[in-house]
Amino acid sequence: MTMSQMNQDAEGYFRVWKPEEASPGHQESPEELDSGRMCGHLCRLSPNEPMAQSLVRHEHYLAHRVNIQEGQRIIDLGCGIGNPARSIARFTGANITGLNINAQQLRQARQLTQEAGLSYQVNFVEQNFLKIEFADDTFDGAYAIESTCYAPDLVEVYSEIFRVLKPGARFGVYEAVLTDKYDDNNPMHREVKTNIERGGGLARIHTSAEAIAAMKAVGFEVLAIDDLGARPDQIPWETQLSDPFLEKQGLLSFALLSVFFAARAMPLINRGLQAVVGKLEQMTVFPAGSQKVVDLVVTILDGMYRGGELGIFSPMFLIVARKPEA
């Protein structure tokens, strides 16, 4: 990505989210929002476990709950650059189709998949998950990791997933939601919600109850509900958004580059970095728009971290559902 492209992306995003107009009524289309969203995902943590291993374990657990089997045709909704697709393909032997609307991410996904020797098993298509271009009853299973939250209407995206699944097939999702502890009358809760929406480019963050209701509304049988973010883990999930954790994982030196490659795991909570980047932008060391990008990252990390601490936000609200047999 060139500096001019980064500047265009930043300007385009901030035309969507103006501070005085931070409301769903001023959101652009889900296609436009999704085109610039972050590629990574969060996970549960275990002591002395490398971050990469924690991420893979999180992905494999979802594959297990969906009951993905060798040779099945599975769709990954909002696949990013394909890390979960490749991981789950190796783990299960299934054939994975990754769906994403971001052409740049898909180019990287295909390159990484080719380098991994998995092109025969994992493929990618540039499509909108609100208008999936596959026939009814095509897939043996489906999963989504922190991606369907970008749909303004969960009923709309879940109904498309329901349509392309074969009767009896399962859909598993790690949905990013507000938990039942969220209180809209609490100013701190509302601030956290706004920071997650603004920083993450969400039209509106849904509640866990809304996600469950949407599943049932489109015809799914809900088999399991489990907020993994509420598990009494020794290391809370939001810890992975903190400076000390990332430094221990050896990610600190990667921080500045991560800003421009839209990675989620960045130790940017330190407000001093915002001032430094702003100064370097003025000196034209960094491209125009860099300050806004850093502000954006700090906003979402602050929102997610505080949301996790307060127990009002979870990026791993697991729902496993099944399309009824014909």
Protein backbone atom coordinates (compact mmCIF):
# COMPACT_ATOMS: atom_id res chain seq x y z
CA MET A 1 0.00 0.00 0.00
CA THR A 2 1.37 3.40 -0.97
CA MET A 3 1.38 6.47 1.27
CA SER A 4 -1.29 8.11 -0.88
CA GLN A 5 -3.50 5.03 -0.57
CA MET A 6 -3.07 5.06 3.22
CA ASN A 7 -4.04 8.72 3.28
CA GLN A 8 -7.13 8.04 1.14
CA ASP A 9 -8.15 5.18 3.44
CA ALA A 10 -7.77 7.35 6.53
CA GLU A 11 -9.69 10.25 5.01
CA GLY A 12 -12.42 7.95 3.75
CA TYR A 13 -12.85 6.38 7.15
CA PHE A 14 -13.05 9.67 8.99
CA ARG A 15 -15.65 10.94 6.57
CA VAL A 16 -17.77 8.10 7.95
CA TRP A 17 -17.12 8.91 11.60
CA LYS A 18 -17.23 12.61 12.34
CA PRO A 19 -17.23 13.28 16.10
CA GLU A 20 -20.35 15.41 15.89
CA GLU A 21 -22.13 12.85 13.72
CA ALA A 22 -21.27 9.59 15.46
CA SER A 23 -24.56 7.83 14.92
CA PRO A 24 -25.78 4.93 12.76
CA GLY A 25 -27.65 7.43 10.60
CA HIS A 26 -24.34 8.73 9.28
CA GLN A 27 -22.76 5.36 8.46
CA GLU A 28 -21.69 4.42 4.96
CA SER A 29 -22.56 1.09 3.43
CA PRO A 30 -21.39 -2.15 5.08
CA GLU A 31 -19.32 -2.85 1.97
CA GLU A 32 -17.37 0.39 2.46
CA LEU A 33 -16.94 -0.17 6.17
CA ASP A 34 -15.82 -3.76 5.70
CA SER A 35 -13.26 -2.80 3.05
CA GLY A 36 -11.04 -1.17 5.64
CA ARG A 37 -11.60 -3.30 8.67
CA MET A 38 -8.86 -4.91 10.73
CA CYS A 39 -7.57 -8.34 9.85
CA GLY A 40 -6.78 -10.03 13.17
CA HIS A 41 -8.89 -11.50 15.94
CA LEU A 42 -8.71 -11.90 19.69
CA CYS A 43 -8.65 -15.10 21.73
CA ARG A 44 -8.54 -16.61 25.20
CA LEU A 45 -5.13 -16.68 26.84
CA SER A 46 -3.21 -19.26 28.87
CA PRO A 47 -0.12 -18.74 31.04
CA ASN A 48 3.19 -19.34 29.24
CA GLU A 49 1.44 -20.00 25.94
CA PRO A 50 2.73 -18.12 22.87
CA MET A 51 0.19 -15.78 21.32
CA ALA A 52 0.29 -17.61 17.99
CA GLN A 53 -0.62 -20.86 19.74
CA SER A 54 -3.47 -19.19 21.63
CA LEU A 55 -4.92 -17.88 18.37
CA VAL A 56 -4.76 -21.29 16.70
CA ARG A 57 -6.34 -22.97 19.72
CA HIS A 58 -9.19 -20.45 19.57
CA GLU A 59 -9.74 -21.25 15.89
CA HIS A 60 -9.55 -25.00 16.38
CA TYR A 61 -12.06 -24.86 19.22
CA LEU A 62 -14.56 -23.18 16.90
CA ALA A 63 -13.93 -25.81 14.22
CA HIS A 64 -14.55 -28.50 16.84
CA ARG A 65 -17.85 -26.94 17.93
CA VAL A 66 -19.01 -26.66 14.32
CA ASN A 67 -18.02 -30.33 13.89
CA ILE A 68 -16.03 -29.68 10.72
CA GLN A 69 -14.96 -32.93 9.07
CA GLU A 70 -12.41 -33.93 6.45
CA GLY A 71 -13.57 -33.36 2.89
CA GLN A 72 -16.45 -31.07 3.82
CA ARG A 73 -17.01 -27.78 2.01
CA ILE A 74 -16.93 -24.97 4.58
CA ILE A 75 -17.38 -21.21 4.19
CA ASP A 76 -15.44 -18.66 6.27
CA LEU A 77 -17.43 -15.40 6.44
CA GLY A 78 -15.19 -12.32 6.56
CA CYS A 79 -11.97 -14.31 6.26
CA GLY A 80 -9.46 -11.43 6.43
CA ILE A 81 -6.09 -12.59 5.12
CA GLY A 82 -7.01 -16.22 5.68
CA ASN A 83 -5.15 -17.18 8.84
CA PRO A 84 -8.10 -19.08 10.41
CA ALA A 85 -8.99 -20.66 7.06
CA ARG A 86 -5.51 -22.12 6.65
CA SER A 87 -5.34 -23.20 10.28
CA ILE A 88 -8.73 -24.91 10.22
CA ALA A 89 -8.00 -26.54 6.85
CA ARG A 90 -4.83 -28.11 8.28
CA PHE A 91 -6.61 -29.16 11.48
CA THR A 92 -9.69 -30.72 9.90
CA GLY A 93 -8.84 -31.60 6.31
CA ALA A 94 -11.90 -29.66 5.15
CA ASN A 95 -12.03 -27.53 2.02
CA ILE A 96 -12.42 -23.90 3.06
CA THR A 97 -13.83 -21.06 0.98
CA GLY A 98 -12.91 -17.69 2.47
CA LEU A 99 -15.27 -14.83 1.70
CA ASN A 100 -14.13 -11.21 1.96
CA ILE A 101 -15.00 -7.92 0.26
CA ASN A 102 -11.50 -6.47 0.62
CA ALA A 103 -9.51 -7.13 -2.57
CA GLN A 104 -6.19 -6.19 -1.00
CA GLN A 105 -6.65 -8.63 1.87
CA LEU A 106 -7.65 -11.34 -0.59
CA ARG A 107 -4.49 -10.84 -2.64
CA GLN A 108 -2.44 -11.33 0.51
CA ALA A 109 -4.59 -14.30 1.55
CA ARG A 110 -4.00 -16.06 -1.76
CA GLN A 111 -0.28 -15.40 -1.66
CA LEU A 112 0.06 -16.70 1.91
CA THR A 113 -2.05 -19.74 1.08
CA GLN A 114 0.10 -20.54 -1.95
CA GLU A 115 3.25 -20.19 0.14
CA ALA A 116 1.72 -22.55 2.71
CA GLY A 117 1.01 -25.14 0.00
CA LEU A 118 -2.73 -25.08 0.70
CA SER A 119 -4.14 -23.61 -2.51
CA TYR A 120 -5.64 -27.00 -3.39
CA GLN A 121 -7.67 -26.92 -0.16
CA VAL A 122 -8.33 -23.24 0.60
CA ASN A 123 -9.75 -20.73 -1.88
CA PHE A 124 -11.00 -17.16 -1.59
CA VAL A 125 -13.79 -15.18 -3.21
CA GLU A 126 -14.44 -11.45 -3.26
CA GLN A 127 -18.05 -11.22 -2.13
CA ASN A 128 -20.30 -9.35 0.28
CA PHE A 129 -21.61 -11.60 3.04
CA LEU A 130 -24.93 -9.74 2.85
CA LYS A 131 -25.30 -10.99 -0.75
CA ILE A 132 -23.48 -14.32 -0.95
CA GLU A 133 -23.12 -15.43 -4.56
CA PHE A 134 -23.53 -19.16 -3.99
CA ALA A 135 -26.58 -21.32 -4.57
CA ASP A 136 -28.86 -22.47 -1.79
CA ASP A 137 -27.72 -25.54 0.18
CA THR A 138 -24.10 -25.34 -1.00
CA PHE A 139 -21.96 -25.68 2.14
CA ASP A 140 -21.54 -28.39 4.78
CA GLY A 141 -20.75 -25.83 7.47
CA ALA A 142 -19.88 -22.20 8.14
CA TYR A 143 -18.04 -20.10 10.67
CA ALA A 144 -17.28 -16.45 11.32
CA ILE A 145 -14.74 -14.89 13.67
CA GLU A 146 -15.49 -11.32 14.77
CA SER A 147 -16.74 -10.40 11.30
CA THR A 148 -20.53 -10.52 11.18
CA CYS A 149 -20.61 -7.72 13.76
CA TYR A 150 -19.91 -5.41 10.80
CA ALA A 151 -23.38 -6.12 9.42
CA PRO A 152 -25.83 -3.38 10.44
CA ASP A 153 -28.54 -6.05 10.64
CA LEU A 154 -27.63 -9.50 11.98
CA VAL A 155 -30.85 -10.99 10.60
CA GLU A 156 -29.73 -10.02 7.11
CA VAL A 157 -26.31 -11.65 7.33
CA TYR A 158 -27.48 -14.71 9.27
CA SER A 159 -30.26 -15.31 6.73
CA GLU A 160 -27.72 -15.41 3.90
CA ILE A 161 -25.59 -17.89 5.82
CA PHE A 162 -28.68 -19.99 6.54
CA ARG A 163 -29.57 -20.00 2.84
CA VAL A 164 -26.23 -21.32 1.57
CA LEU A 165 -25.94 -24.07 4.19
CA LYS A 166 -27.16 -27.58 3.53
CA PRO A 167 -29.95 -28.89 5.78
CA GLY A 168 -28.42 -30.19 9.00
CA ALA A 169 -25.25 -28.09 8.60
CA ARG A 170 -23.84 -26.07 11.48
CA PHE A 171 -22.83 -22.44 11.76
CA GLY A 172 -20.50 -21.29 14.53
CA VAL A 173 -19.67 -17.67 15.23
CA TYR A 174 -17.50 -15.72 17.62
CA GLU A 175 -19.73 -12.67 17.72
CA ALA A 176 -18.50 -9.32 19.08
CA VAL A 177 -21.32 -8.11 21.31
CA LEU A 178 -22.37 -6.01 24.26
CA THR A 179 -23.09 -8.38 27.13
CA ASP A 180 -26.11 -8.32 29.41
CA LYS A 181 -24.03 -6.28 31.88
CA TYR A 182 -24.15 -3.28 29.55
CA ASP A 183 -26.27 -0.42 30.91
CA ASP A 184 -27.18 2.27 28.42
CA ASN A 185 -27.95 4.63 31.31
CA ASN A 186 -24.33 4.43 32.46
CA PRO A 187 -22.24 7.22 30.82
CA MET A 188 -19.04 5.16 31.05
CA HIS A 189 -20.71 2.22 29.33
CA ARG A 190 -21.98 4.47 26.56
CA GLU A 191 -18.49 5.93 26.06
CA VAL A 192 -16.98 2.45 25.76
CA LYS A 193 -19.67 1.46 23.26
CA THR A 194 -19.06 4.57 21.14
CA ASN A 195 -15.28 4.03 21.16
CA ILE A 196 -15.68 0.45 19.95
CA GLU A 197 -18.12 1.48 17.23
CA ARG A 198 -16.10 4.48 16.09
CA GLY A 199 -12.71 2.77 16.31
CA GLY A 200 -13.92 -0.46 14.74
CA GLY A 201 -16.04 1.07 12.00
CA LEU A 202 -19.20 -0.62 13.25
CA ALA A 203 -22.56 0.75 12.20
CA ARG A 204 -23.84 -0.42 15.58
CA ILE A 205 -22.58 -2.98 18.04
CA HIS A 206 -25.24 -5.57 18.78
CA THR A 207 -26.14 -7.10 22.12
CA SER A 208 -25.80 -10.80 22.90
CA ALA A 209 -29.59 -11.06 23.16
CA GLU A 210 -29.98 -9.52 19.69
CA ALA A 211 -27.52 -12.01 18.22
CA ILE A 212 -29.36 -14.98 19.70
CA ALA A 213 -32.73 -13.62 18.59
CA ALA A 214 -31.43 -13.04 15.05
CA MET A 215 -30.25 -16.65 14.81
CA LYS A 216 -33.67 -17.92 15.78
CA ALA A 217 -35.48 -15.42 13.58
CA VAL A 218 -33.89 -16.75 10.37
CA GLY A 219 -34.67 -20.36 11.24
CA PHE A 220 -31.54 -21.68 12.96
CA GLU A 221 -31.77 -24.11 15.85
CA VAL A 222 -29.45 -22.69 18.51
CA LEU A 223 -27.39 -25.58 19.90
CA ALA A 224 -25.00 -23.77 22.21
CA ILE A 225 -24.33 -20.33 23.67
CA ASP A 226 -21.11 -19.59 25.54
CA ASP A 227 -19.47 -16.25 26.25
CA LEU A 228 -15.82 -17.31 26.24
CA GLY A 229 -14.87 -13.79 27.26
CA ALA A 230 -16.62 -14.32 30.59
CA ARG A 231 -14.70 -17.49 31.45
CA PRO A 232 -12.69 -17.18 34.72
CA ASP A 233 -9.35 -17.44 32.93
CA GLN A 234 -6.13 -16.75 34.80
CA ILE A 235 -5.29 -14.14 32.14
CA PRO A 236 -8.33 -12.09 31.04
CA TRP A 237 -8.72 -11.80 27.27
CA GLU A 238 -8.37 -8.00 27.30
CA THR A 239 -4.82 -8.37 28.64
CA GLN A 240 -3.65 -8.98 25.06
CA LEU A 241 -4.46 -5.33 24.30
CA SER A 242 -2.04 -4.03 26.93
CA ASP A 243 1.54 -2.80 26.43
CA PRO A 244 3.25 -5.25 28.86
CA PHE A 245 1.64 -8.30 27.27
CA LEU A 246 2.57 -7.31 23.73
CA GLU A 247 6.11 -6.46 24.76
CA LYS A 248 6.46 -9.89 26.37
CA GLN A 249 5.22 -11.47 23.14
CA GLY A 250 7.92 -9.61 21.20
CA LEU A 251 5.41 -7.48 19.33
CA LEU A 252 6.47 -4.06 20.59
CA SER A 253 8.94 -3.41 17.78
CA PHE A 254 6.19 -4.27 15.29
CA ALA A 255 3.86 -1.59 16.64
CA LEU A 256 4.48 1.30 14.28
CA LEU A 257 4.36 -0.83 11.15
CA SER A 258 1.18 -2.44 12.44
CA VAL A 259 -0.60 0.89 12.36
CA PHE A 260 -0.24 1.10 8.62
CA PHE A 261 -1.03 -2.55 7.94
CA ALA A 262 -4.20 -2.49 10.03
CA ALA A 263 -3.17 -5.18 12.48
CA ARG A 264 -5.21 -5.22 15.64
CA ALA A 265 -2.55 -6.15 18.18
CA MET A 266 -0.73 -2.88 18.77
CA PRO A 267 0.63 -1.38 22.01
CA LEU A 268 -0.67 2.10 21.26
CA ILE A 269 -2.54 2.86 24.46
CA ASN A 270 0.31 5.20 25.39
CA ARG A 271 -0.95 8.65 24.47
CA GLY A 272 2.62 9.85 24.02
CA LEU A 273 2.83 7.93 20.76
CA GLN A 274 -0.04 9.97 19.38
CA ALA A 275 1.92 13.17 19.91
CA VAL A 276 5.08 11.67 18.38
CA VAL A 277 3.25 10.46 15.28
CA GLY A 278 1.55 13.83 14.92
CA LYS A 279 4.90 15.59 15.00
CA LEU A 280 6.44 13.18 12.48
CA GLU A 281 3.45 13.71 10.21
CA GLN A 282 4.01 17.47 10.35
CA MET A 283 7.64 16.85 9.38
CA THR A 284 6.39 14.64 6.47
CA VAL A 285 8.32 11.66 7.89
CA PHE A 286 4.96 9.89 8.14
CA PRO A 287 2.27 10.26 5.45
CA ALA A 288 -0.69 12.58 5.89
CA GLY A 289 -3.42 10.85 7.87
CA SER A 290 -1.03 8.98 10.20
CA GLN A 291 -2.19 10.91 13.26
CA LYS A 292 -5.81 10.05 12.51
CA VAL A 293 -4.97 6.37 12.09
CA VAL A 294 -3.19 6.27 15.45
CA ASP A 295 -6.09 8.11 17.09
CA LEU A 296 -8.42 5.53 15.58
CA VAL A 297 -6.39 2.60 16.92
CA VAL A 298 -6.12 4.12 20.39
CA THR A 299 -9.88 4.68 20.38
CA ILE A 300 -10.81 1.07 19.65
CA LEU A 301 -8.15 -0.45 21.90
CA ASP A 302 -9.27 1.76 24.76
CA GLY A 303 -12.89 0.83 24.14
CA MET A 304 -12.27 -2.92 23.93
CA TYR A 305 -9.89 -2.96 26.89
CA ARG A 306 -12.26 -1.08 29.16
CA GLY A 307 -15.21 -3.05 27.81
CA GLY A 308 -13.44 -6.25 28.79
CA GLU A 309 -12.52 -4.96 32.24
CA LEU A 310 -16.10 -3.89 32.88
CA GLY A 311 -17.49 -7.13 31.47
CA ILE A 312 -19.79 -5.24 29.10
CA PHE A 313 -18.11 -6.25 25.82
CA SER A 314 -17.05 -9.63 24.49
CA PRO A 315 -15.37 -10.37 21.13
CA MET A 316 -15.91 -14.10 21.60
CA PHE A 317 -19.58 -14.68 22.30
CA LEU A 318 -19.90 -18.16 20.85
CA ILE A 319 -23.12 -19.25 19.19
CA VAL A 320 -23.39 -22.65 17.54
CA ALA A 321 -26.51 -23.17 15.44
CA ARG A 322 -27.87 -25.72 12.99
CA LYS A 323 -30.02 -25.45 9.89
CA PRO A 324 -32.91 -27.89 10.43
CA GLU A 325 -33.07 -31.04 8.34
CA ALA A 326 -35.36 -30.77 5.36
